[in-house]
């Protein structure tokens, strides 16, 4: 029974990370694109986004960029540690 419990616990961790990185990052990027685009008014004209909305869009892009760079560095951690002597994680 202990093995089943550990397996289910590990499975939920993998599913959670998969949802965050697999679907969450593209969703955050899509929100950033949406925040940076203008909105269409009733008369058909396009209004520019406000400064607050642009800041939210930039924040979304920064979150995605940090996640991607962290992932690349995590994959490269053995190379960085062995060849360059840089220990990040």
Protein backbone atom coordinates (compact mmCIF):
# COMPACT_ATOMS: atom_id res chain seq x y z
CA UNK A 1 0.00 0.00 0.00
CA UNK A 2 2.92 2.32 0.70
CA UNK A 3 4.19 1.83 -2.85
CA UNK A 4 0.81 2.79 -4.31
CA UNK A 5 0.67 5.91 -2.14
CA UNK A 6 4.18 7.01 -3.21
CA UNK A 7 3.38 6.31 -6.86
CA UNK A 8 0.19 8.39 -6.73
CA UNK A 9 2.01 11.20 -4.93
CA UNK A 10 4.76 11.24 -7.58
CA UNK A 11 2.19 11.12 -10.37
CA UNK A 12 0.40 14.21 -9.05
CA UNK A 13 3.70 16.09 -8.87
CA UNK A 14 4.47 15.24 -12.49
CA UNK A 15 0.96 16.22 -13.60
CA UNK A 16 1.13 19.53 -11.72
CA UNK A 17 4.50 20.47 -13.22
CA UNK A 18 3.29 19.37 -16.64
CA UNK A 19 0.24 21.62 -16.37
CA UNK A 20 2.24 24.59 -15.15
CA UNK A 21 5.02 24.34 -17.71
CA UNK A 22 3.14 22.60 -20.50
CA UNK A 23 -0.03 24.66 -20.57
CA UNK A 24 0.66 27.44 -18.09
CA UNK A 25 3.56 29.17 -19.82
CA UNK A 26 1.86 29.39 -23.23
CA UNK A 27 -1.24 30.71 -21.46
CA UNK A 28 0.80 33.39 -19.66
CA UNK A 29 2.43 34.30 -22.99
CA UNK A 30 -1.01 34.56 -24.62
CA UNK A 31 -2.17 36.86 -21.83
CA UNK A 32 0.90 39.01 -22.44
CA UNK A 33 0.08 39.28 -26.14
CA UNK A 34 -3.52 40.13 -25.31
CA UNK A 35 -2.49 42.79 -22.81
CA UNK A 36 -0.13 44.41 -25.32
CA UNK A 37 -2.71 44.55 -28.09
CA UNK A 38 -5.29 47.28 -28.30
CA UNK A 39 -9.01 46.88 -27.86
CA UNK A 40 -11.61 47.46 -30.57
CA UNK A 41 -14.22 50.10 -29.78
CA UNK A 42 -17.87 49.99 -30.82
CA UNK A 43 -17.23 52.27 -33.82
CA UNK A 44 -14.47 49.99 -35.13
CA UNK A 45 -11.51 52.08 -34.05
CA UNK A 46 -8.67 50.52 -32.11
CA UNK A 47 -7.59 52.07 -28.82
CA UNK A 48 -4.08 51.70 -27.47
CA UNK A 49 -3.59 49.87 -24.17
CA UNK A 50 -3.02 51.89 -21.02
CA UNK A 51 0.30 51.96 -19.20
CA UNK A 52 -0.98 49.61 -16.51
CA UNK A 53 -2.13 47.05 -19.06
CA UNK A 54 1.21 47.31 -20.91
CA UNK A 55 3.02 46.73 -17.61
CA UNK A 56 0.93 43.60 -17.04
CA UNK A 57 1.86 42.39 -20.53
CA UNK A 58 5.56 43.01 -19.92
CA UNK A 59 5.30 41.18 -16.60
CA UNK A 60 3.80 38.16 -18.38
CA UNK A 61 6.66 38.16 -20.88
CA UNK A 62 9.24 38.44 -18.09
CA UNK A 63 7.70 35.47 -16.25
CA UNK A 64 7.88 33.35 -19.41
CA UNK A 65 11.45 34.47 -20.14
CA UNK A 66 12.62 33.66 -16.60
CA UNK A 67 10.99 30.22 -16.76
CA UNK A 68 12.62 29.42 -20.11
CA UNK A 69 16.08 30.60 -19.02
CA UNK A 70 15.77 28.67 -15.74
CA UNK A 71 14.80 25.53 -17.64
CA UNK A 72 17.75 25.86 -20.01
CA UNK A 73 20.15 26.41 -17.12
CA UNK A 74 18.67 23.42 -15.27
CA UNK A 75 19.26 21.21 -18.29
CA UNK A 76 22.82 22.57 -18.62
CA UNK A 77 23.70 22.31 -14.92
CA UNK A 78 26.04 19.31 -15.30
CA UNK A 79 27.86 20.92 -18.22
CA UNK A 80 28.22 24.20 -16.37
CA UNK A 81 29.45 22.48 -13.22
CA UNK A 82 31.91 20.14 -14.95
CA UNK A 83 33.38 22.37 -17.65
CA UNK A 84 33.06 25.87 -16.22
CA UNK A 85 32.88 25.26 -12.47
CA UNK A 86 29.55 27.08 -12.13
CA UNK A 87 27.18 25.40 -9.63
CA UNK A 88 23.69 26.86 -9.96
CA UNK A 89 21.26 24.25 -8.65
